[in-house]
Amino acid sequence: MAAIAAQVKPSLLILYHRSNAGGGETGSDDQAELVGEIRQLYKGDVVTGRDLEVF
């Protein structure tokens, strides 16, 4: 996802409908971890969205 975003360069990258591909326990900081991983390759604005949020 980060590599694609780095090529496309959206003004705001919104991550939604995330899944736990590893199948393990999910913690309260999963969103921060995901955004941190994306920011390693993509330097633009990144947020995580939830259903019914408006950006």
N, C-alpha and C. Protein backbone atom coordinates (compact mmCIF):
# COMPACT_ATOMS: atom_id res chain seq x y z
N MET A 1 0.82 -1.18 0.00
CA MET A 1 0.00 0.00 0.00
C MET A 1 0.87 1.25 0.00
N ALA A 2 1.90 1.26 0.82
CA ALA A 2 2.78 2.44 0.89
C ALA A 2 3.50 2.69 -0.42
N ALA A 3 3.93 1.62 -1.09
CA ALA A 3 4.62 1.78 -2.37
C ALA A 3 3.68 2.37 -3.42
N ILE A 4 2.45 1.93 -3.43
CA ILE A 4 1.46 2.46 -4.38
C ILE A 4 1.19 3.93 -4.07
N ALA A 5 1.00 4.25 -2.80
CA ALA A 5 0.74 5.64 -2.40
C ALA A 5 1.91 6.54 -2.76
N ALA A 6 3.12 6.04 -2.61
CA ALA A 6 4.30 6.84 -2.95
C ALA A 6 4.34 7.17 -4.44
N GLN A 7 3.82 6.28 -5.27
CA GLN A 7 3.78 6.55 -6.72
C GLN A 7 2.63 7.47 -7.09
N VAL A 8 1.47 7.25 -6.50
CA VAL A 8 0.26 8.00 -6.84
C VAL A 8 0.26 9.39 -6.19
N LYS A 9 0.81 9.50 -4.98
CA LYS A 9 0.90 10.75 -4.22
C LYS A 9 -0.47 11.40 -3.96
N PRO A 10 -1.37 10.69 -3.25
CA PRO A 10 -2.66 11.30 -2.92
C PRO A 10 -2.46 12.44 -1.91
N SER A 11 -3.39 13.38 -1.89
CA SER A 11 -3.26 14.47 -0.92
C SER A 11 -3.53 13.98 0.50
N LEU A 12 -4.32 12.91 0.64
CA LEU A 12 -4.59 12.30 1.93
C LEU A 12 -4.82 10.81 1.71
N LEU A 13 -4.03 9.98 2.34
CA LEU A 13 -4.19 8.53 2.26
C LEU A 13 -5.04 8.09 3.45
N ILE A 14 -6.22 7.53 3.17
CA ILE A 14 -7.12 7.07 4.23
C ILE A 14 -7.13 5.54 4.20
N LEU A 15 -6.75 4.95 5.30
CA LEU A 15 -6.74 3.49 5.43
C LEU A 15 -8.05 3.07 6.11
N TYR A 16 -8.77 2.15 5.49
CA TYR A 16 -10.03 1.69 6.07
C TYR A 16 -10.24 0.23 5.75
N HIS A 17 -11.18 -0.38 6.41
CA HIS A 17 -11.47 -1.81 6.26
C HIS A 17 -10.20 -2.64 6.42
N ARG A 18 -9.49 -2.33 7.49
CA ARG A 18 -8.26 -3.05 7.78
C ARG A 18 -8.60 -4.45 8.25
N SER A 19 -7.68 -5.37 8.04
CA SER A 19 -7.86 -6.72 8.54
C SER A 19 -6.63 -7.15 9.32
N ASN A 20 -6.79 -8.16 10.11
CA ASN A 20 -5.69 -8.71 10.88
C ASN A 20 -5.21 -9.95 10.15
N ALA A 21 -4.36 -9.73 9.15
CA ALA A 21 -3.93 -10.83 8.28
C ALA A 21 -3.20 -11.93 9.04
N GLY A 22 -2.52 -11.60 10.11
CA GLY A 22 -1.79 -12.60 10.88
C GLY A 22 -2.69 -13.46 11.74
N GLY A 23 -3.91 -13.00 11.99
CA GLY A 23 -4.87 -13.78 12.75
C GLY A 23 -4.66 -13.76 14.26
N GLY A 24 -3.69 -13.01 14.74
CA GLY A 24 -3.42 -12.96 16.18
C GLY A 24 -4.31 -11.96 16.89
N GLU A 25 -4.01 -11.77 18.16
CA GLU A 25 -4.74 -10.80 18.97
C GLU A 25 -4.54 -9.39 18.42
N THR A 26 -5.56 -8.58 18.52
CA THR A 26 -5.43 -7.18 18.12
C THR A 26 -5.34 -6.34 19.37
N GLY A 27 -4.49 -5.34 19.33
CA GLY A 27 -4.30 -4.46 20.49
C GLY A 27 -4.83 -3.08 20.21
N SER A 28 -4.81 -2.23 21.21
CA SER A 28 -5.35 -0.89 21.08
C SER A 28 -4.48 0.00 20.20
N ASP A 29 -3.20 -0.37 19.99
CA ASP A 29 -2.31 0.46 19.19
C ASP A 29 -2.11 -0.06 17.78
N ASP A 30 -3.00 -0.95 17.33
CA ASP A 30 -2.87 -1.51 15.98
C ASP A 30 -2.89 -0.44 14.91
N GLN A 31 -3.74 0.57 15.07
CA GLN A 31 -3.82 1.64 14.08
C GLN A 31 -2.52 2.41 14.02
N ALA A 32 -1.94 2.72 15.16
CA ALA A 32 -0.67 3.45 15.19
C ALA A 32 0.44 2.63 14.56
N GLU A 33 0.42 1.33 14.80
CA GLU A 33 1.43 0.45 14.21
C GLU A 33 1.29 0.42 12.68
N LEU A 34 0.06 0.31 12.20
CA LEU A 34 -0.18 0.29 10.76
C LEU A 34 0.26 1.60 10.11
N VAL A 35 -0.11 2.73 10.69
CA VAL A 35 0.29 4.03 10.14
C VAL A 35 1.81 4.16 10.16
N GLY A 36 2.43 3.69 11.22
CA GLY A 36 3.89 3.72 11.31
C GLY A 36 4.56 2.93 10.21
N GLU A 37 4.01 1.76 9.89
CA GLU A 37 4.55 0.94 8.81
C GLU A 37 4.39 1.65 7.46
N ILE A 38 3.23 2.24 7.23
CA ILE A 38 2.98 2.97 5.97
C ILE A 38 3.96 4.14 5.85
N ARG A 39 4.18 4.86 6.93
CA ARG A 39 5.03 6.06 6.89
C ARG A 39 6.50 5.75 6.64
N GLN A 40 6.88 4.49 6.75
CA GLN A 40 8.26 4.13 6.43
C GLN A 40 8.55 4.37 4.95
N LEU A 41 7.55 4.19 4.09
CA LEU A 41 7.73 4.36 2.65
C LEU A 41 6.97 5.54 2.07
N TYR A 42 5.90 5.97 2.73
CA TYR A 42 5.06 7.05 2.20
C TYR A 42 5.14 8.23 3.15
N LYS A 43 5.55 9.38 2.65
CA LYS A 43 5.79 10.56 3.49
C LYS A 43 4.63 11.54 3.53
N GLY A 44 3.52 11.24 2.85
CA GLY A 44 2.37 12.14 2.84
C GLY A 44 1.49 11.95 4.06
N ASP A 45 0.35 12.64 4.06
CA ASP A 45 -0.60 12.56 5.17
C ASP A 45 -1.32 11.22 5.14
N VAL A 46 -1.40 10.56 6.31
CA VAL A 46 -2.04 9.25 6.44
C VAL A 46 -2.96 9.29 7.65
N VAL A 47 -4.18 8.79 7.49
CA VAL A 47 -5.11 8.64 8.61
C VAL A 47 -5.78 7.28 8.48
N THR A 48 -6.31 6.79 9.61
CA THR A 48 -7.12 5.58 9.56
C THR A 48 -8.57 5.99 9.73
N GLY A 49 -9.44 5.41 8.93
CA GLY A 49 -10.84 5.75 8.97
C GLY A 49 -11.67 4.62 9.55
N ARG A 50 -12.83 4.99 10.05
CA ARG A 50 -13.81 4.02 10.53
C ARG A 50 -15.11 4.31 9.83
N ASP A 51 -15.98 3.33 9.78
CA ASP A 51 -17.28 3.52 9.14
C ASP A 51 -17.98 4.74 9.73
N LEU A 52 -18.60 5.51 8.86
CA LEU A 52 -19.40 6.69 9.17
C LEU A 52 -18.57 7.93 9.51
N GLU A 53 -17.25 7.88 9.43
CA GLU A 53 -16.43 9.07 9.60
C GLU A 53 -16.40 9.86 8.29
N VAL A 54 -16.21 11.15 8.39
CA VAL A 54 -16.17 12.02 7.23
C VAL A 54 -14.83 12.76 7.21
N PHE A 55 -14.17 12.78 6.04
CA PHE A 55 -12.90 13.47 5.89
C PHE A 55 -13.00 14.53 4.82
